[in-house]
Amino acid sequence: MSDDTDTEATDGREMGVDFGDLRGDLEDEEYPLSHGTLLDRYGDRELEISSGTRTLREVLSDLGERDYESADAVRQAVLNMVGEEAVGREGYSDRGGDGEGQESDQESF
């Protein structure tokens, strides 16, 4: 049985953000890495989110100077800054069930 998180990890997408080749480059980087150095090296790299494409610089520019201890720390900062922008259609679920405004005769136990 396949796990969606495994698929996301192998295709560069994490929680609605497609890091593309940047994911591997961040993994290969030496840490700690300052905010300024991160943006100098990777600021023009593009991230795909449901609302379009944004550069790493656009996403992280409001954070101010800080040090990143790992690739995970950089990815987490990105995920925190894009927030709801990375979410697909609001209110959409592929899990089936009732649509909005529909009543259900099923009970939860």
PDB file of N, CA and C in Angstrom:
ATOM      1  N   MET A   1       0.838  -1.176   0.000  1.00  0.00           N
ATOM      2  CA  MET A   1       0.000   0.000   0.000  1.00  0.00           C
ATOM      3  C   MET A   1       0.879   1.233   0.000  1.00  0.00           C
ATOM      4  N   SER A   2       0.572   2.202  -0.823  1.00  0.00           N
ATOM      5  CA  SER A   2       1.393   3.395  -0.988  1.00  0.00           C
ATOM      6  C   SER A   2       1.006   4.461   0.021  1.00  0.00           C
ATOM      7  N   ASP A   3       1.972   5.194   0.495  1.00  0.00           N
ATOM      8  CA  ASP A   3       1.748   6.287   1.419  1.00  0.00           C
ATOM      9  C   ASP A   3       1.935   7.593   0.665  1.00  0.00           C
ATOM     10  N   ASP A   4       0.954   8.515   0.759  1.00  0.00           N
ATOM     11  CA  ASP A   4       1.026   9.787   0.039  1.00  0.00           C
ATOM     12  C   ASP A   4       2.251  10.593   0.428  1.00  0.00           C
ATOM     13  N   THR A   5       2.688  10.508   1.692  1.00  0.00           N
ATOM     14  CA  THR A   5       3.855  11.275   2.095  1.00  0.00           C
ATOM     15  C   THR A   5       5.112  10.765   1.416  1.00  0.00           C
ATOM     16  N   ASP A   6       5.180   9.450   1.138  1.00  0.00           N
ATOM     17  CA  ASP A   6       6.326   8.918   0.403  1.00  0.00           C
ATOM     18  C   ASP A   6       6.355   9.485  -1.005  1.00  0.00           C
ATOM     19  N   THR A   7       5.204   9.545  -1.650  1.00  0.00           N
ATOM     20  CA  THR A   7       5.109  10.103  -2.997  1.00  0.00           C
ATOM     21  C   THR A   7       5.508  11.565  -2.991  1.00  0.00           C
ATOM     22  N   GLU A   8       5.015  12.321  -1.998  1.00  0.00           N
ATOM     23  CA  GLU A   8       5.361  13.735  -1.910  1.00  0.00           C
ATOM     24  C   GLU A   8       6.861  13.915  -1.751  1.00  0.00           C
ATOM     25  N   ALA A   9       7.483  13.097  -0.916  1.00  0.00           N
ATOM     26  CA  ALA A   9       8.917  13.234  -0.667  1.00  0.00           C
ATOM     27  C   ALA A   9       9.730  12.951  -1.918  1.00  0.00           C
ATOM     28  N   THR A  10       9.288  12.009  -2.739  1.00  0.00           N
ATOM     29  CA  THR A  10      10.067  11.666  -3.919  1.00  0.00           C
ATOM     30  C   THR A  10       9.824  12.611  -5.082  1.00  0.00           C
ATOM     31  N   ASP A  11       8.691  13.314  -5.107  1.00  0.00           N
ATOM     32  CA  ASP A  11       8.443  14.221  -6.225  1.00  0.00           C
ATOM     33  C   ASP A  11       8.743  15.678  -5.889  1.00  0.00           C
ATOM     34  N   GLY A  12       9.291  15.964  -4.688  1.00  0.00           N
ATOM     35  CA  GLY A  12       9.672  17.322  -4.329  1.00  0.00           C
ATOM     36  C   GLY A  12       8.542  18.136  -3.739  1.00  0.00           C
ATOM     37  N   ARG A  13       7.355  17.565  -3.585  1.00  0.00           N
ATOM     38  CA  ARG A  13       6.199  18.289  -3.056  1.00  0.00           C
ATOM     39  C   ARG A  13       6.011  17.926  -1.591  1.00  0.00           C
ATOM     40  N   GLU A  14       5.750  18.964  -0.800  1.00  0.00           N
ATOM     41  CA  GLU A  14       5.516  18.751   0.620  1.00  0.00           C
ATOM     42  C   GLU A  14       4.418  19.693   1.073  1.00  0.00           C
ATOM     43  N   MET A  15       3.336  19.136   1.580  1.00  0.00           N
ATOM     44  CA  MET A  15       2.207  19.909   2.103  1.00  0.00           C
ATOM     45  C   MET A  15       1.761  21.015   1.149  1.00  0.00           C
ATOM     46  N   GLY A  16       1.648  20.687  -0.118  1.00  0.00           N
ATOM     47  CA  GLY A  16       1.145  21.635  -1.096  1.00  0.00           C
ATOM     48  C   GLY A  16       2.189  22.523  -1.740  1.00  0.00           C
ATOM     49  N   VAL A  17       3.442  22.389  -1.347  1.00  0.00           N
ATOM     50  CA  VAL A  17       4.529  23.189  -1.925  1.00  0.00           C
ATOM     51  C   VAL A  17       5.440  22.254  -2.705  1.00  0.00           C
ATOM     52  N   ASP A  18       5.666  22.573  -3.979  1.00  0.00           N
ATOM     53  CA  ASP A  18       6.587  21.791  -4.800  1.00  0.00           C
ATOM     54  C   ASP A  18       7.947  22.477  -4.763  1.00  0.00           C
ATOM     55  N   PHE A  19       8.877  21.864  -4.046  1.00  0.00           N
ATOM     56  CA  PHE A  19      10.225  22.413  -3.905  1.00  0.00           C
ATOM     57  C   PHE A  19      11.097  22.088  -5.110  1.00  0.00           C
ATOM     58  N   GLY A  20      10.688  21.130  -5.911  1.00  0.00           N
ATOM     59  CA  GLY A  20      11.452  20.748  -7.091  1.00  0.00           C
ATOM     60  C   GLY A  20      12.880  20.377  -6.741  1.00  0.00           C
ATOM     61  N   ASP A  21      13.828  20.816  -7.575  1.00  0.00           N
ATOM     62  CA  ASP A  21      15.248  20.507  -7.366  1.00  0.00           C
ATOM     63  C   ASP A  21      15.827  21.187  -6.130  1.00  0.00           C
ATOM     64  N   LEU A  22      15.152  22.228  -5.645  1.00  0.00           N
ATOM     65  CA  LEU A  22      15.631  22.922  -4.460  1.00  0.00           C
ATOM     66  C   LEU A  22      15.709  21.979  -3.265  1.00  0.00           C
ATOM     67  N   ARG A  23      14.808  21.017  -3.191  1.00  0.00           N
ATOM     68  CA  ARG A  23      14.808  20.055  -2.081  1.00  0.00           C
ATOM     69  C   ARG A  23      16.172  19.373  -1.964  1.00  0.00           C
ATOM     70  N   GLY A  24      16.678  18.836  -3.052  1.00  0.00           N
ATOM     71  CA  GLY A  24      17.968  18.150  -3.034  1.00  0.00           C
ATOM     72  C   GLY A  24      19.119  19.098  -2.754  1.00  0.00           C
ATOM     73  N   ASP A  25      19.048  20.302  -3.323  1.00  0.00           N
ATOM     74  CA  ASP A  25      20.106  21.283  -3.087  1.00  0.00           C
ATOM     75  C   ASP A  25      20.176  21.671  -1.614  1.00  0.00           C
ATOM     76  N   LEU A  26      19.022  21.811  -0.978  1.00  0.00           N
ATOM     77  CA  LEU A  26      19.008  22.135   0.451  1.00  0.00           C
ATOM     78  C   LEU A  26      19.568  20.980   1.273  1.00  0.00           C
ATOM     79  N   GLU A  27      19.276  19.755   0.864  1.00  0.00           N
ATOM     80  CA  GLU A  27      19.809  18.581   1.568  1.00  0.00           C
ATOM     81  C   GLU A  27      21.332  18.522   1.453  1.00  0.00           C
ATOM     82  N   ASP A  28      21.883  18.968   0.326  1.00  0.00           N
ATOM     83  CA  ASP A  28      23.329  18.921   0.089  1.00  0.00           C
ATOM     84  C   ASP A  28      24.074  20.099   0.718  1.00  0.00           C
ATOM     85  N   GLU A  29      23.356  21.100   1.180  1.00  0.00           N
ATOM     86  CA  GLU A  29      23.950  22.320   1.737  1.00  0.00           C
ATOM     87  C   GLU A  29      24.588  22.028   3.093  1.00  0.00           C
ATOM     88  N   GLU A  30      25.558  22.879   3.472  1.00  0.00           N
ATOM     89  CA  GLU A  30      26.184  22.782   4.790  1.00  0.00           C
ATOM     90  C   GLU A  30      25.501  23.763   5.729  1.00  0.00           C
ATOM     91  N   TYR A  31      25.186  23.303   6.922  1.00  0.00           N
ATOM     92  CA  TYR A  31      24.482  24.111   7.915  1.00  0.00           C
ATOM     93  C   TYR A  31      25.342  24.268   9.151  1.00  0.00           C
ATOM     94  N   PRO A  32      25.135  25.335   9.947  1.00  0.00           N
ATOM     95  CA  PRO A  32      24.082  26.337   9.831  1.00  0.00           C
ATOM     96  C   PRO A  32      24.308  27.268   8.644  1.00  0.00           C
ATOM     97  N   LEU A  33      23.203  27.838   8.179  1.00  0.00           N
ATOM     98  CA  LEU A  33      23.200  28.717   7.013  1.00  0.00           C
ATOM     99  C   LEU A  33      22.413  29.968   7.376  1.00  0.00           C
ATOM    100  N   SER A  34      23.014  31.137   7.162  1.00  0.00           N
ATOM    101  CA  SER A  34      22.308  32.372   7.503  1.00  0.00           C
ATOM    102  C   SER A  34      21.202  32.655   6.490  1.00  0.00           C
ATOM    103  N   HIS A  35      20.240  33.439   6.913  1.00  0.00           N
ATOM    104  CA  HIS A  35      19.121  33.821   6.055  1.00  0.00           C
ATOM    105  C   HIS A  35      19.629  34.523   4.791  1.00  0.00           C
ATOM    106  N   GLY A  36      20.563  35.446   4.974  1.00  0.00           N
ATOM    107  CA  GLY A  36      21.117  36.177   3.835  1.00  0.00           C
ATOM    108  C   GLY A  36      21.819  35.266   2.841  1.00  0.00           C
ATOM    109  N   THR A  37      22.608  34.335   3.346  1.00  0.00           N
ATOM    110  CA  THR A  37      23.309  33.388   2.475  1.00  0.00           C
ATOM    111  C   THR A  37      22.322  32.492   1.745  1.00  0.00           C
ATOM    112  N   LEU A  38      21.302  32.026   2.455  1.00  0.00           N
ATOM    113  CA  LEU A  38      20.269  31.197   1.828  1.00  0.00           C
ATOM    114  C   LEU A  38      19.635  31.933   0.654  1.00  0.00           C
ATOM    115  N   LEU A  39      19.265  33.192   0.866  1.00  0.00           N
ATOM    116  CA  LEU A  39      18.619  33.952  -0.205  1.00  0.00           C
ATOM    117  C   LEU A  39      19.592  34.309  -1.321  1.00  0.00           C
ATOM    118  N   ASP A  40      20.865  34.554  -0.982  1.00  0.00           N
ATOM    119  CA  ASP A  40      21.868  34.812  -2.026  1.00  0.00           C
ATOM    120  C   ASP A  40      22.031  33.601  -2.942  1.00  0.00           C
ATOM    121  N   ARG A  41      22.063  32.419  -2.352  1.00  0.00           N
ATOM    122  CA  ARG A  41      22.288  31.198  -3.133  1.00  0.00           C
ATOM    123  C   ARG A  41      21.031  30.683  -3.836  1.00  0.00           C
ATOM    124  N   TYR A  42      19.900  30.790  -3.170  1.00  0.00           N
ATOM    125  CA  TYR A  42      18.690  30.114  -3.670  1.00  0.00           C
ATOM    126  C   TYR A  42      17.474  31.022  -3.809  1.00  0.00           C
ATOM    127  N   GLY A  43      17.620  32.297  -3.552  1.00  0.00           N
ATOM    128  CA  GLY A  43      16.477  33.207  -3.539  1.00  0.00           C
ATOM    129  C   GLY A  43      15.687  33.274  -4.826  1.00  0.00           C
ATOM    130  N   ASP A  44      16.333  33.046  -5.966  1.00  0.00           N
ATOM    131  CA  ASP A  44      15.634  33.109  -7.256  1.00  0.00           C
ATOM    132  C   ASP A  44      14.997  31.781  -7.651  1.00  0.00           C
ATOM    133  N   ARG A  45      15.168  30.752  -6.845  1.00  0.00           N
ATOM    134  CA  ARG A  45      14.566  29.450  -7.143  1.00  0.00           C
ATOM    135  C   ARG A  45      13.062  29.525  -6.952  1.00  0.00           C
ATOM    136  N   GLU A  46      12.332  28.854  -7.838  1.00  0.00           N
ATOM    137  CA  GLU A  46      10.873  28.931  -7.812  1.00  0.00           C
ATOM    138  C   GLU A  46      10.258  27.764  -7.053  1.00  0.00           C
ATOM    139  N   LEU A  47       9.195  28.092  -6.331  1.00  0.00           N
ATOM    140  CA  LEU A  47       8.387  27.115  -5.616  1.00  0.00           C
ATOM    141  C   LEU A  47       7.001  27.132  -6.236  1.00  0.00           C
ATOM    142  N   GLU A  48       6.454  25.968  -6.481  1.00  0.00           N
ATOM    143  CA  GLU A  48       5.105  25.867  -7.041  1.00  0.00           C
ATOM    144  C   GLU A  48       4.121  25.637  -5.898  1.00  0.00           C
ATOM    145  N   ILE A  49       3.129  26.511  -5.818  1.00  0.00           N
ATOM    146  CA  ILE A  49       2.049  26.328  -4.859  1.00  0.00           C
ATOM    147  C   ILE A  49       0.741  26.468  -5.616  1.00  0.00           C
ATOM    148  N   SER A  50      -0.361  26.115  -4.989  1.00  0.00           N
ATOM    149  CA  SER A  50      -1.633  26.086  -5.714  1.00  0.00           C
ATOM    150  C   SER A  50      -2.020  27.445  -6.278  1.00  0.00           C
ATOM    151  N   SER A  51      -1.570  28.527  -5.645  1.00  0.00           N
ATOM    152  CA  SER A  51      -1.917  29.861  -6.135  1.00  0.00           C
ATOM    153  C   SER A  51      -0.948  30.367  -7.201  1.00  0.00           C
ATOM    154  N   GLY A  52       0.053  29.555  -7.578  1.00  0.00           N
ATOM    155  CA  GLY A  52       0.996  29.950  -8.623  1.00  0.00           C
ATOM    156  C   GLY A  52       2.432  29.683  -8.224  1.00  0.00           C
ATOM    157  N   THR A  53       3.336  30.407  -8.848  1.00  0.00           N
ATOM    158  CA  THR A  53       4.768  30.246  -8.606  1.00  0.00           C
ATOM    159  C   THR A  53       5.290  31.448  -7.839  1.00  0.00           C
ATOM    160  N   ARG A  54       6.104  31.191  -6.822  1.00  0.00           N
ATOM    161  CA  ARG A  54       6.765  32.260  -6.066  1.00  0.00           C
ATOM    162  C   ARG A  54       8.217  31.864  -5.856  1.00  0.00           C
ATOM    163  N   THR A  55       9.083  32.859  -5.795  1.00  0.00           N
ATOM    164  CA  THR A  55      10.488  32.563  -5.527  1.00  0.00           C
ATOM    165  C   THR A  55      10.694  32.364  -4.026  1.00  0.00           C
ATOM    166  N   LEU A  56      11.769  31.689  -3.697  1.00  0.00           N
ATOM    167  CA  LEU A  56      12.114  31.498  -2.296  1.00  0.00           C
ATOM    168  C   LEU A  56      12.273  32.852  -1.608  1.00  0.00           C
ATOM    169  N   ARG A  57      12.861  33.817  -2.304  1.00  0.00           N
ATOM    170  CA  ARG A  57      13.043  35.158  -1.759  1.00  0.00           C
ATOM    171  C   ARG A  57      11.699  35.802  -1.418  1.00  0.00           C
ATOM    172  N   GLU A  58      10.727  35.680  -2.324  1.00  0.00           N
ATOM    173  CA  GLU A  58       9.399  36.249  -2.069  1.00  0.00           C
ATOM    174  C   GLU A  58       8.757  35.618  -0.837  1.00  0.00           C
ATOM    175  N   VAL A  59       8.926  34.327  -0.699  1.00  0.00           N
ATOM    176  CA  VAL A  59       8.296  33.612   0.411  1.00  0.00           C
ATOM    177  C   VAL A  59       8.951  33.955   1.748  1.00  0.00           C
ATOM    178  N   LEU A  60      10.284  34.022   1.784  1.00  0.00           N
ATOM    179  CA  LEU A  60      10.999  34.177   3.053  1.00  0.00           C
ATOM    180  C   LEU A  60      11.445  35.603   3.367  1.00  0.00           C
ATOM    181  N   SER A  61      11.168  36.559   2.500  1.00  0.00           N
ATOM    182  CA  SER A  61      11.699  37.914   2.673  1.00  0.00           C
ATOM    183  C   SER A  61      11.267  38.580   3.977  1.00  0.00           C
ATOM    184  N   ASP A  62      10.104  38.261   4.498  1.00  0.00           N
ATOM    185  CA  ASP A  62       9.614  38.916   5.715  1.00  0.00           C
ATOM    186  C   ASP A  62      10.161  38.319   7.006  1.00  0.00           C
ATOM    187  N   LEU A  63      10.933  37.253   6.923  1.00  0.00           N
ATOM    188  CA  LEU A  63      11.407  36.588   8.136  1.00  0.00           C
ATOM    189  C   LEU A  63      12.522  37.331   8.853  1.00  0.00           C
ATOM    190  N   GLY A  64      13.322  38.082   8.152  1.00  0.00           N
ATOM    191  CA  GLY A  64      14.442  38.748   8.797  1.00  0.00           C
ATOM    192  C   GLY A  64      15.611  37.804   9.013  1.00  0.00           C
ATOM    193  N   GLU A  65      16.697  38.336   9.548  1.00  0.00           N
ATOM    194  CA  GLU A  65      17.931  37.557   9.693  1.00  0.00           C
ATOM    195  C   GLU A  65      17.760  36.469  10.743  1.00  0.00           C
ATOM    196  N   ARG A  66      18.191  35.285  10.384  1.00  0.00           N
ATOM    197  CA  ARG A  66      18.159  34.122  11.260  1.00  0.00           C
ATOM    198  C   ARG A  66      19.087  33.077  10.689  1.00  0.00           C
ATOM    199  N   ASP A  67      19.390  32.067  11.452  1.00  0.00           N
ATOM    200  CA  ASP A  67      20.194  30.947  10.974  1.00  0.00           C
ATOM    201  C   ASP A  67      19.310  29.714  10.852  1.00  0.00           C
ATOM    202  N   TYR A  68      19.552  28.950   9.803  1.00  0.00           N
ATOM    203  CA  TYR A  68      18.848  27.691   9.578  1.00  0.00           C
ATOM    204  C   TYR A  68      19.809  26.572   9.930  1.00  0.00           C
ATOM    205  N   GLU A  69      19.349  25.637  10.735  1.00  0.00           N
ATOM    206  CA  GLU A  69      20.195  24.545  11.214  1.00  0.00           C
ATOM    207  C   GLU A  69      20.163  23.317  10.318  1.00  0.00           C
ATOM    208  N   SER A  70      19.185  23.257   9.393  1.00  0.00           N
ATOM    209  CA  SER A  70      19.052  22.073   8.542  1.00  0.00           C
ATOM    210  C   SER A  70      18.139  22.385   7.362  1.00  0.00           C
ATOM    211  N   ALA A  71      18.123  21.471   6.392  1.00  0.00           N
ATOM    212  CA  ALA A  71      17.197  21.600   5.263  1.00  0.00           C
ATOM    213  C   ALA A  71      15.759  21.556   5.759  1.00  0.00           C
ATOM    214  N   ASP A  72      15.503  20.741   6.771  1.00  0.00           N
ATOM    215  CA  ASP A  72      14.155  20.672   7.343  1.00  0.00           C
ATOM    216  C   ASP A  72      13.726  22.022   7.905  1.00  0.00           C
ATOM    217  N   ALA A  73      14.647  22.741   8.525  1.00  0.00           N
ATOM    218  CA  ALA A  73      14.326  24.054   9.086  1.00  0.00           C
ATOM    219  C   ALA A  73      13.962  25.044   7.980  1.00  0.00           C
ATOM    220  N   VAL A  74      14.657  24.975   6.848  1.00  0.00           N
ATOM    221  CA  VAL A  74      14.339  25.849   5.713  1.00  0.00           C
ATOM    222  C   VAL A  74      12.963  25.493   5.167  1.00  0.00           C
ATOM    223  N   ARG A  75      12.721  24.210   4.953  1.00  0.00           N
ATOM    224  CA  ARG A  75      11.413  23.783   4.427  1.00  0.00           C
ATOM    225  C   ARG A  75      10.283  24.179   5.370  1.00  0.00           C
ATOM    226  N   GLN A  76      10.499  24.033   6.675  1.00  0.00           N
ATOM    227  CA  GLN A  76       9.466  24.398   7.641  1.00  0.00           C
ATOM    228  C   GLN A  76       9.197  25.897   7.599  1.00  0.00           C
ATOM    229  N   ALA A  77      10.231  26.702   7.452  1.00  0.00           N
ATOM    230  CA  ALA A  77      10.041  28.149   7.338  1.00  0.00           C
ATOM    231  C   ALA A  77       9.204  28.485   6.109  1.00  0.00           C
ATOM    232  N   VAL A  78       9.479  27.816   4.995  1.00  0.00           N
ATOM    233  CA  VAL A  78       8.695  28.030   3.771  1.00  0.00           C
ATOM    234  C   VAL A  78       7.240  27.653   4.014  1.00  0.00           C
ATOM    235  N   LEU A  79       7.013  26.487   4.586  1.00  0.00           N
ATOM    236  CA  LEU A  79       5.645  26.026   4.830  1.00  0.00           C
ATOM    237  C   LEU A  79       4.898  26.974   5.760  1.00  0.00           C
ATOM    238  N   ASN A  80       5.578  27.505   6.762  1.00  0.00           N
ATOM    239  CA  ASN A  80       4.952  28.465   7.670  1.00  0.00           C
ATOM    240  C   ASN A  80       4.580  29.754   6.953  1.00  0.00           C
ATOM    241  N   MET A  81       5.430  30.189   6.031  1.00  0.00           N
ATOM    242  CA  MET A  81       5.197  31.472   5.361  1.00  0.00           C
ATOM    243  C   MET A  81       4.157  31.386   4.249  1.00  0.00           C
ATOM    244  N   VAL A  82       4.027  30.263   3.575  1.00  0.00           N
ATOM    245  CA  VAL A  82       3.016  30.171   2.513  1.00  0.00           C
ATOM    246  C   VAL A  82       1.640  29.892   3.091  1.00  0.00           C
ATOM    247  N   GLY A  83       1.572  29.227   4.212  1.00  0.00           N
ATOM    248  CA  GLY A  83       0.311  28.987   4.893  1.00  0.00           C
ATOM    249  C   GLY A  83      -0.785  28.488   3.982  1.00  0.00           C
ATOM    250  N   GLU A  84      -1.903  29.206   3.962  1.00  0.00           N
ATOM    251  CA  GLU A  84      -3.082  28.793   3.205  1.00  0.00           C
ATOM    252  C   GLU A  84      -2.889  28.877   1.698  1.00  0.00           C
ATOM    253  N   GLU A  85      -1.866  29.599   1.238  1.00  0.00           N
ATOM    254  CA  GLU A  85      -1.613  29.687  -0.204  1.00  0.00           C
ATOM    255  C   GLU A  85      -1.328  28.316  -0.808  1.00  0.00           C
ATOM    256  N   ALA A  86      -0.774  27.422   0.002  1.00  0.00           N
ATOM    257  CA  ALA A  86      -0.405  26.102  -0.506  1.00  0.00           C
ATOM    258  C   ALA A  86      -1.579  25.130  -0.519  1.00  0.00           C
ATOM    259  N   VAL A  87      -2.665  25.534   0.104  1.00  0.00           N
ATOM    260  CA  VAL A  87      -3.839  24.667   0.153  1.00  0.00           C
ATOM    261  C   VAL A  87      -4.574  24.758  -1.170  1.00  0.00           C
ATOM    262  N   GLY A  88      -5.044  23.634  -1.638  1.00  0.00           N
ATOM    263  CA  GLY A  88      -5.816  23.610  -2.888  1.00  0.00           C
ATOM    264  C   GLY A  88      -7.155  24.297  -2.709  1.00  0.00           C
ATOM    265  N   ARG A  89      -8.139  23.824  -3.429  1.00  0.00           N
ATOM    266  CA  ARG A  89      -9.462  24.427  -3.365  1.00  0.00           C
ATOM    267  C   ARG A  89      -9.995  24.370  -1.943  1.00  0.00           C
ATOM    268  N   GLU A  90     -10.462  25.506  -1.453  1.00  0.00           N
ATOM    269  CA  GLU A  90     -10.989  25.582  -0.106  1.00  0.00           C
ATOM    270  C   GLU A  90     -12.272  24.773   0.010  1.00  0.00           C
ATOM    271  N   GLY A  91     -12.377  23.977   1.055  1.00  0.00           N
ATOM    272  CA  GLY A  91     -13.562  23.170   1.283  1.00  0.00           C
ATOM    273  C   GLY A  91     -13.618  21.888   0.475  1.00  0.00           C
ATOM    274  N   TYR A  92     -12.606  21.635  -0.347  1.00  0.00           N
ATOM    275  CA  TYR A  92     -12.591  20.443  -1.191  1.00  0.00           C
ATOM    276  C   TYR A  92     -12.062  19.257  -0.402  1.00  0.00           C
ATOM    277  N   SER A  93     -12.680  18.128  -0.604  1.00  0.00           N
ATOM    278  CA  SER A  93     -12.192  16.888  -0.016  1.00  0.00           C
ATOM    279  C   SER A  93     -12.355  15.773  -1.028  1.00  0.00           C
ATOM    280  N   ASP A  94     -11.336  14.967  -1.173  1.00  0.00           N
ATOM    281  CA  ASP A  94     -11.438  13.818  -2.063  1.00  0.00           C
ATOM    282  C   ASP A  94     -11.783  12.558  -1.275  1.00  0.00           C
ATOM    283  N   ARG A  95     -12.212  12.742  -0.058  1.00  0.00           N
ATOM    284  CA  ARG A  95     -12.538  11.612   0.809  1.00  0.00           C
ATOM    285  C   ARG A  95     -14.001  11.200   0.708  1.00  0.00           C
ATOM    286  N   GLY A  96     -14.741  11.811  -0.206  1.00  0.00           N
ATOM    287  CA  GLY A  96     -16.142  11.443  -0.375  1.00  0.00           C
ATOM    288  C   GLY A  96     -16.982  12.058   0.719  1.00  0.00           C
ATOM    289  N   GLY A  97     -18.147  11.545   0.905  1.00  0.00           N
ATOM    290  CA  GLY A  97     -19.005  12.066   1.952  1.00  0.00           C
ATOM    291  C   GLY A  97     -19.920  13.135   1.414  1.00  0.00           C
ATOM    292  N   ASP A  98     -20.488  13.858   2.318  1.00  0.00           N
ATOM    293  CA  ASP A  98     -21.497  14.852   1.978  1.00  0.00           C
ATOM    294  C   ASP A  98     -20.873  16.133   1.465  1.00  0.00           C
ATOM    295  N   GLY A  99     -21.521  16.735   0.502  1.00  0.00           N
ATOM    296  CA  GLY A  99     -21.131  18.056   0.041  1.00  0.00           C
ATOM    297  C   GLY A  99     -21.710  19.086   0.985  1.00  0.00           C
ATOM    298  N   GLU A 100     -21.289  20.322   0.837  1.00  0.00           N
ATOM    299  CA  GLU A 100     -21.809  21.373   1.687  1.00  0.00           C
ATOM    300  C   GLU A 100     -23.306  21.501   1.496  1.00  0.00           C
ATOM    301  N   GLY A 101     -24.002  21.726   2.600  1.00  0.00           N
ATOM    302  CA  GLY A 101     -25.426  21.960   2.519  1.00  0.00           C
ATOM    303  C   GLY A 101     -26.250  20.698   2.400  1.00  0.00           C
ATOM    304  N   GLN A 102     -25.628  19.547   2.339  1.00  0.00           N
ATOM    305  CA  GLN A 102     -26.368  18.298   2.261  1.00  0.00           C
ATOM    306  C   GLN A 102     -26.423  17.672   3.645  1.00  0.00           C
ATOM    307  N   GLU A 103     -27.584  17.127   3.963  1.00  0.00           N
ATOM    308  CA  GLU A 103     -27.722  16.468   5.248  1.00  0.00           C
ATOM    309  C   GLU A 103     -27.386  14.999   5.103  1.00  0.00           C
ATOM    310  N   SER A 104     -26.892  14.424   6.163  1.00  0.00           N
ATOM    311  CA  SER A 104     -26.542  13.015   6.147  1.00  0.00           C
ATOM    312  C   SER A 104     -27.430  12.264   7.120  1.00  0.00           C
ATOM    313  N   ASP A 105     -27.838  11.067   6.735  1.00  0.00           N
ATOM    314  CA  ASP A 105     -28.607  10.243   7.652  1.00  0.00           C
ATOM    315  C   ASP A 105     -27.697   9.260   8.387  1.00  0.00           C
ATOM    316  N   GLN A 106     -26.385   9.388   8.176  1.00  0.00           N
ATOM    317  CA  GLN A 106     -25.437   8.527   8.865  1.00  0.00           C
ATOM    318  C   GLN A 106     -25.036   9.167  10.181  1.00  0.00           C
ATOM    319  N   GLU A 107     -24.814   8.314  11.170  1.00  0.00           N
ATOM    320  CA  GLU A 107     -24.369   8.801  12.461  1.00  0.00           C
ATOM    321  C   GLU A 107     -22.946   8.344  12.710  1.00  0.00           C
ATOM    322  N   SER A 108     -22.209   9.167  13.415  1.00  0.00           N
ATOM    323  CA  SER A 108     -20.854   8.816  13.805  1.00  0.00           C
ATOM    324  C   SER A 108     -20.899   8.218  15.200  1.00  0.00           C
ATOM    325  N   PHE A 109     -20.194   7.130  15.409  1.00  0.00           N
ATOM    326  CA  PHE A 109     -20.199   6.479  16.717  1.00  0.00           C
ATOM    327  C   PHE A 109     -18.898   6.668  17.409  1.00  0.00           C
TER     328      PHE A 109
END
